[in-house]
Amino acid sequence: MHLHDVWFVLIAVLWTGYFFLEGFDFGIGVLTKLLARDRTERRVLINTIGPVWDGNEVWLLTAGGATFAAFPDWYATLFSGFYLPLLMILVCLIVRGVAFEYRAKRGEDRWQRNWEHAIFWTSLLPAFLWGVAFANITRGVKIDANKEYVGGFWDLLHPYALLGGLVTLTLFTFHGAVFASLKTVGPIRERARAFATGAGLVAAVAASCFLIWTQAHSGNERSLPALIVAVAALAAAIGANLAGREGWSFAFSGVTIAAAVAMLFLTLFPDVMPSTLNSTWSLTVSNASATPYTLRIMTWCAGVATPLVLLYQGWTYWVFRKRIGTQHIAEAAH
């Protein structure tokens, strides 16, 4: 296996980690309006991700940085062609971070209500847009012989891409509802479990349609097992949630996300960005990669830094592993 193949796999792992961790972050943000009944319950939901949300976004920065260094042509074509949707995601992530930090800085109802609206919308929009982006990457876009995207913004909004956005939005919302039931106590925990059932069924329908469509359009013998695992894991997550096994439900929903991302990358390989104009103009792991020397240096750096990051982030989740409820918010306020 060549180093550019290794880095294709590593970038797939980074995106998997990002969607697994940031997925329930986005889901919690959406649930602040759909699940919480008052400001105290919204604070409970926000506090479930309060110590970890910014650490989860490190996976996005690492995935983007790894793409820039390992596959500069892929990075250039992707970020120039998808400039507007990626800019929208970036703005949402900035506003979302500010909203988390500023929401409680003042006690006025209007101040907190406006930041809560910001948390909801800046969680919902990226959850949808990431699905649109990856659906377009998988299906292929208009790339010419110079490795440049020659389409427009509206070319990215077709039925397959919109279905991909619906899949990530519903799947992340289900993932967040399961996480909320795992991290809370009292009535909000019970409502989170009930909400997760409905959200899981919607996500199951949307994800099954999208993954089957992907397999029929551009799948192969490598991607089919991942499709089966994703659908089976989502069914198991819904079943575990109905049985009150929140830990297992969260684990299975994570497997669903990992298998779905794996399927998309297995469908892509050896392409990284197919061209719908001419298959010979597609970006591949070989023609879009950096030099072998660059990849060797990156591999050594990743081998040293990655275990440290995983240990630190795992320790963070262990420290903040306990459940919280409205009674804890009342004590803190008092």
Protein backbone atom coordinates (compact mmCIF):
# COMPACT_ATOMS: atom_id res chain seq x y z
CA MET A 1 0.00 0.00 0.00
CA HIS A 2 1.32 3.44 -0.97
CA LEU A 3 1.46 6.31 1.49
CA HIS A 4 -1.20 8.23 -0.43
CA ASP A 5 -3.54 5.26 0.12
CA VAL A 6 -2.69 5.31 3.83
CA TRP A 7 -3.50 9.00 4.06
CA PHE A 8 -6.77 8.52 2.24
CA VAL A 9 -7.71 6.02 4.97
CA LEU A 10 -6.48 8.36 7.72
CA ILE A 11 -8.53 11.26 6.36
CA ALA A 12 -11.58 8.97 6.26
CA VAL A 13 -10.92 8.11 9.93
CA LEU A 14 -10.65 11.80 10.83
CA TRP A 15 -13.98 12.59 9.16
CA THR A 16 -15.53 9.60 10.90
CA GLY A 17 -14.31 10.88 14.26
CA TYR A 18 -15.60 14.36 13.50
CA PHE A 19 -19.07 13.21 12.49
CA PHE A 20 -19.29 10.81 15.43
CA LEU A 21 -18.34 13.46 18.01
CA GLU A 22 -19.67 16.64 16.43
CA GLY A 23 -22.75 14.72 15.32
CA PHE A 24 -24.22 14.55 18.82
CA ASP A 25 -23.03 18.14 19.38
CA PHE A 26 -25.18 19.28 16.48
CA GLY A 27 -27.99 17.05 17.67
CA ILE A 28 -27.95 18.60 21.13
CA GLY A 29 -28.04 22.08 19.57
CA VAL A 30 -31.11 21.14 17.52
CA LEU A 31 -32.77 19.58 20.58
CA THR A 32 -32.50 22.80 22.58
CA LYS A 33 -35.60 23.90 20.67
CA LEU A 34 -37.25 20.56 19.94
CA LEU A 35 -36.85 18.82 23.30
CA ALA A 36 -36.25 21.33 26.09
CA ARG A 37 -39.36 22.91 27.57
CA ASP A 38 -37.81 25.84 29.40
CA ARG A 39 -34.56 27.72 29.82
CA THR A 40 -33.34 25.46 32.61
CA GLU A 41 -33.72 22.35 30.48
CA ARG A 42 -31.96 24.08 27.59
CA ARG A 43 -29.10 24.80 29.94
CA VAL A 44 -29.03 21.13 30.96
CA LEU A 45 -28.70 20.08 27.32
CA ILE A 46 -26.00 22.64 26.61
CA ASN A 47 -24.10 21.56 29.71
CA THR A 48 -24.00 17.94 28.50
CA ILE A 49 -21.63 19.06 25.74
CA GLY A 50 -20.19 22.13 27.46
CA PRO A 51 -16.82 20.57 28.39
CA VAL A 52 -16.30 18.76 25.07
CA TRP A 53 -17.84 20.61 22.11
CA ASP A 54 -14.74 22.65 21.28
CA GLY A 55 -12.49 19.59 21.53
CA ASN A 56 -14.75 17.76 19.11
CA GLU A 57 -14.16 20.45 16.48
CA VAL A 58 -10.43 19.68 16.54
CA TRP A 59 -11.25 16.68 14.36
CA LEU A 60 -12.54 19.00 11.64
CA LEU A 61 -9.42 21.17 11.78
CA THR A 62 -7.23 18.08 11.61
CA ALA A 63 -9.18 16.61 8.69
CA GLY A 64 -8.93 19.88 6.77
CA GLY A 65 -5.23 20.28 7.58
CA ALA A 66 -4.47 16.68 6.61
CA THR A 67 -6.30 17.12 3.31
CA PHE A 68 -4.36 20.32 2.61
CA ALA A 69 -1.00 18.68 3.28
CA ALA A 70 -1.58 15.18 1.87
CA PHE A 71 -3.82 16.02 -1.11
CA PRO A 72 -3.30 19.70 -2.03
CA ASP A 73 -5.15 19.43 -5.37
CA TRP A 74 -8.14 17.83 -3.65
CA TYR A 75 -8.12 20.56 -1.02
CA ALA A 76 -7.86 23.35 -3.62
CA THR A 77 -10.66 22.01 -5.81
CA LEU A 78 -12.92 21.17 -2.89
CA PHE A 79 -12.60 24.46 -1.03
CA SER A 80 -12.81 26.62 -4.15
CA GLY A 81 -15.72 24.71 -5.70
CA PHE A 82 -17.66 24.38 -2.45
CA TYR A 83 -16.67 27.84 -1.25
CA LEU A 84 -20.14 29.16 -0.42
CA PRO A 85 -21.51 26.14 1.52
CA LEU A 86 -18.22 25.70 3.36
CA LEU A 87 -18.19 29.42 4.22
CA MET A 88 -21.73 29.06 5.56
CA ILE A 89 -20.59 26.14 7.74
CA LEU A 90 -17.59 28.13 8.99
CA VAL A 91 -19.73 31.14 9.91
CA CYS A 92 -22.18 28.86 11.72
CA LEU A 93 -19.39 27.22 13.71
CA ILE A 94 -18.01 30.62 14.72
CA VAL A 95 -21.40 31.99 15.79
CA ARG A 96 -22.22 28.72 17.55
CA GLY A 97 -19.05 28.88 19.65
CA VAL A 98 -19.72 32.51 20.55
CA ALA A 99 -23.32 31.62 21.47
CA PHE A 100 -22.21 28.89 23.87
CA GLU A 101 -19.84 31.30 25.63
CA TYR A 102 -22.00 34.45 25.60
CA ARG A 103 -25.43 33.02 26.34
CA ALA A 104 -25.03 33.17 30.13
CA LYS A 105 -23.04 36.40 30.29
CA ARG A 106 -26.19 38.43 30.92
CA GLY A 107 -29.45 37.51 32.59
CA GLU A 108 -31.93 39.34 30.35
CA ASP A 109 -34.50 37.10 28.67
CA ARG A 110 -34.03 38.69 25.26
CA TRP A 111 -30.24 38.28 25.40
CA GLN A 112 -30.40 34.59 26.28
CA ARG A 113 -33.28 33.88 23.90
CA ASN A 114 -31.37 35.35 20.94
CA TRP A 115 -28.29 33.27 21.67
CA GLU A 116 -30.45 30.17 22.07
CA HIS A 117 -31.91 30.80 18.62
CA ALA A 118 -28.35 31.10 17.33
CA ILE A 119 -27.38 27.77 18.90
CA PHE A 120 -30.34 26.05 17.25
CA TRP A 121 -29.84 27.40 13.73
CA THR A 122 -26.05 27.14 13.75
CA SER A 123 -26.38 23.50 14.74
CA LEU A 124 -29.12 22.66 12.23
CA LEU A 125 -27.54 24.28 9.16
CA PRO A 126 -24.07 22.63 9.37
CA ALA A 127 -25.69 19.27 10.13
CA PHE A 128 -27.60 19.61 6.85
CA LEU A 129 -24.84 21.17 4.76
CA TRP A 130 -22.24 18.52 5.61
CA GLY A 131 -24.54 15.91 4.11
CA VAL A 132 -25.00 18.01 0.98
CA ALA A 133 -21.24 18.44 0.62
CA PHE A 134 -20.34 14.78 1.03
CA ALA A 135 -23.16 13.66 -1.25
CA ASN A 136 -21.67 15.85 -3.98
CA ILE A 137 -18.17 14.54 -3.34
CA THR A 138 -19.41 10.97 -3.64
CA ARG A 139 -21.60 11.53 -6.72
CA GLY A 140 -19.06 13.70 -8.49
CA VAL A 141 -19.05 17.32 -9.65
CA LYS A 142 -18.06 19.30 -12.73
CA ILE A 143 -14.24 19.18 -12.77
CA ASP A 144 -12.34 20.08 -15.92
CA ALA A 145 -8.98 18.94 -17.25
CA ASN A 146 -7.20 21.56 -15.10
CA LYS A 147 -8.59 20.00 -11.89
CA GLU A 148 -10.87 23.00 -11.37
CA TYR A 149 -14.56 22.99 -10.43
CA VAL A 150 -16.49 24.67 -13.24
CA GLY A 151 -20.02 24.35 -11.86
CA GLY A 152 -22.01 26.79 -9.78
CA PHE A 153 -23.61 26.82 -6.36
CA TRP A 154 -26.99 25.62 -7.62
CA ASP A 155 -25.35 22.63 -9.29
CA LEU A 156 -24.70 21.32 -5.79
CA LEU A 157 -28.40 21.34 -4.84
CA HIS A 158 -29.89 18.32 -6.58
CA PRO A 159 -32.19 15.61 -5.11
CA TYR A 160 -29.36 13.25 -4.17
CA ALA A 161 -27.47 15.99 -2.33
CA LEU A 162 -30.58 17.26 -0.55
CA LEU A 163 -31.35 13.72 0.56
CA GLY A 164 -27.79 13.47 1.87
CA GLY A 165 -28.35 16.64 3.88
CA LEU A 166 -31.57 15.23 5.31
CA VAL A 167 -29.73 12.05 6.30
CA THR A 168 -27.01 13.83 8.26
CA LEU A 169 -29.52 16.18 9.89
CA THR A 170 -31.85 13.39 11.07
CA LEU A 171 -29.04 11.02 11.97
CA PHE A 172 -27.20 13.65 14.03
CA THR A 173 -30.45 14.62 15.75
CA PHE A 174 -31.06 10.98 16.66
CA HIS A 175 -27.43 10.65 17.81
CA GLY A 176 -27.87 13.76 19.97
CA ALA A 177 -31.14 12.54 21.47
CA VAL A 178 -29.52 9.25 22.46
CA PHE A 179 -26.58 11.17 23.94
CA ALA A 180 -29.02 13.38 25.88
CA SER A 181 -30.76 10.33 27.34
CA LEU A 182 -27.35 8.92 28.26
CA LYS A 183 -26.18 12.11 30.00
CA THR A 184 -29.29 13.38 31.80
CA VAL A 185 -31.65 12.33 34.59
CA GLY A 186 -35.31 12.97 35.29
CA PRO A 187 -38.10 13.93 32.88
CA ILE A 188 -35.74 15.28 30.23
CA ARG A 189 -34.08 11.87 30.02
CA GLU A 190 -37.41 10.14 29.42
CA ARG A 191 -38.45 12.66 26.78
CA ALA A 192 -35.07 12.32 25.08
CA ARG A 193 -35.58 8.56 24.80
CA ALA A 194 -39.07 9.02 23.37
CA PHE A 195 -37.84 11.64 20.91
CA ALA A 196 -34.92 9.42 19.87
CA THR A 197 -37.35 6.69 18.80
CA GLY A 198 -39.19 8.95 16.37
CA ALA A 199 -36.02 10.61 15.12
CA GLY A 200 -34.39 7.22 14.66
CA LEU A 201 -37.23 5.94 12.50
CA VAL A 202 -37.09 9.02 10.27
CA ALA A 203 -33.29 8.71 10.04
CA ALA A 204 -33.60 5.00 9.19
CA VAL A 205 -35.89 5.68 6.24
CA ALA A 206 -33.77 8.56 4.91
CA ALA A 207 -30.44 6.80 5.45
CA SER A 208 -31.61 3.54 3.86
CA CYS A 209 -32.81 5.38 0.75
CA PHE A 210 -29.62 7.41 0.49
CA LEU A 211 -27.21 4.53 1.02
CA ILE A 212 -29.07 2.23 -1.37
CA TRP A 213 -29.10 5.03 -3.97
CA THR A 214 -25.34 5.50 -3.43
CA GLN A 215 -24.68 1.79 -3.81
CA ALA A 216 -26.77 1.60 -6.99
CA HIS A 217 -25.14 4.67 -8.53
CA SER A 218 -21.47 4.26 -7.71
CA GLY A 219 -21.08 1.46 -5.18
CA ASN A 220 -18.88 -1.60 -5.43
CA GLU A 221 -18.18 -4.85 -3.61
CA ARG A 222 -16.21 -2.97 -0.94
CA SER A 223 -19.00 -0.56 -0.07
CA LEU A 224 -21.83 -3.10 0.16
CA PRO A 225 -20.77 -4.60 3.56
CA ALA A 226 -20.52 -1.08 4.99
CA LEU A 227 -24.07 -0.36 3.81
CA ILE A 228 -25.35 -3.50 5.53
CA VAL A 229 -23.52 -2.66 8.76
CA ALA A 230 -24.86 0.91 8.76
CA VAL A 231 -28.48 -0.14 8.32
CA ALA A 232 -28.21 -3.00 10.83
CA ALA A 233 -26.49 -0.78 13.43
CA LEU A 234 -29.15 1.90 13.09
CA ALA A 235 -31.89 -0.69 13.63
CA ALA A 236 -29.99 -1.99 16.67
CA ALA A 237 -29.62 1.57 18.03
CA ILE A 238 -33.37 2.14 17.78
CA GLY A 239 -34.07 -1.21 19.43
CA ALA A 240 -31.62 -0.57 22.26
CA ASN A 241 -33.19 2.85 22.84
CA LEU A 242 -36.65 1.28 23.08
CA ALA A 243 -35.25 -1.21 25.61
CA GLY A 244 -33.77 1.60 27.72
CA ARG A 245 -30.17 0.54 27.01
CA GLU A 246 -28.86 4.03 26.36
CA GLY A 247 -25.18 3.10 26.33
CA TRP A 248 -25.70 0.41 23.71
CA SER A 249 -27.97 2.70 21.70
CA PHE A 250 -25.29 5.40 21.62
CA ALA A 251 -22.63 2.87 20.64
CA PHE A 252 -24.76 1.52 17.80
CA SER A 253 -25.64 5.00 16.55
CA GLY A 254 -21.91 5.72 16.49
CA VAL A 255 -21.32 2.54 14.48
CA THR A 256 -24.02 3.70 12.07
CA ILE A 257 -22.21 6.98 11.45
CA ALA A 258 -18.83 5.25 11.11
CA ALA A 259 -20.18 2.65 8.66
CA ALA A 260 -22.00 5.28 6.58
CA VAL A 261 -18.85 7.44 6.30
CA ALA A 262 -16.81 4.33 5.51
CA MET A 263 -19.23 3.43 2.74
CA LEU A 264 -18.86 6.84 1.12
CA PHE A 265 -15.06 6.66 1.16
CA LEU A 266 -15.07 3.05 -0.06
CA THR A 267 -17.32 4.16 -2.90
CA LEU A 268 -14.90 6.96 -3.76
CA PHE A 269 -11.59 5.07 -3.72
CA PRO A 270 -9.33 5.43 -5.66
CA ASP A 271 -10.98 8.75 -6.58
CA VAL A 272 -11.11 11.56 -4.07
CA MET A 273 -13.35 13.79 -6.20
CA PRO A 274 -14.91 12.29 -9.33
CA SER A 275 -15.55 14.43 -12.40
CA THR A 276 -18.97 14.19 -14.01
CA LEU A 277 -17.63 15.78 -17.21
CA ASN A 278 -14.97 13.18 -17.98
CA SER A 279 -13.86 10.31 -15.75
CA THR A 280 -10.25 10.83 -16.82
CA TRP A 281 -10.38 14.30 -15.25
CA SER A 282 -11.30 12.93 -11.81
CA LEU A 283 -9.03 13.65 -8.87
CA THR A 284 -7.52 10.45 -7.49
CA VAL A 285 -5.31 9.48 -4.57
CA SER A 286 -2.34 9.44 -6.94
CA ASN A 287 -2.79 12.55 -9.11
CA ALA A 288 -3.98 14.77 -6.25
CA SER A 289 -1.45 13.75 -3.58
CA ALA A 290 1.58 15.53 -2.21
CA THR A 291 5.13 14.27 -2.73
CA PRO A 292 6.23 11.00 -1.08
CA TYR A 293 8.66 12.93 1.14
CA THR A 294 5.85 15.15 2.45
CA LEU A 295 3.69 12.11 3.17
CA ARG A 296 6.54 10.41 5.06
CA ILE A 297 7.07 13.45 7.30
CA MET A 298 3.32 13.68 7.93
CA THR A 299 3.15 10.00 8.84
CA TRP A 300 5.84 10.36 11.50
CA CYS A 301 4.17 13.45 12.96
CA ALA A 302 0.75 11.79 13.00
CA GLY A 303 2.18 8.68 14.65
CA VAL A 304 3.46 10.79 17.57
CA ALA A 305 0.63 13.32 17.97
CA THR A 306 -2.48 11.20 17.36
CA PRO A 307 -2.17 8.91 20.42
CA LEU A 308 -1.64 11.94 22.66
CA VAL A 309 -4.75 13.67 21.32
CA LEU A 310 -6.83 10.50 21.73
CA LEU A 311 -5.64 10.01 25.30
CA TYR A 312 -6.35 13.61 26.26
CA GLN A 313 -9.81 13.64 24.68
CA GLY A 314 -10.68 10.26 26.22
CA TRP A 315 -9.62 11.57 29.63
CA THR A 316 -11.88 14.61 29.16
CA TYR A 317 -14.91 12.42 28.50
CA TRP A 318 -14.05 10.26 31.51
CA VAL A 319 -13.83 13.27 33.85
CA PHE A 320 -17.20 14.63 32.69
CA ARG A 321 -18.96 11.27 32.46
CA LYS A 322 -21.68 11.80 35.10
CA ARG A 323 -25.32 12.55 34.34
CA ILE A 324 -26.83 15.96 35.04
CA GLY A 325 -30.36 17.26 35.55
CA THR A 326 -32.31 20.38 36.33
CA GLN A 327 -31.52 20.01 40.02
CA HIS A 328 -27.84 20.56 39.29
CA ILE A 329 -28.61 23.75 37.42
CA ALA A 330 -30.66 25.00 40.37
CA GLU A 331 -27.81 24.29 42.79
CA ALA A 332 -25.28 26.06 40.57
CA ALA A 333 -27.56 29.09 40.21
CA HIS A 334 -28.12 29.24 43.97
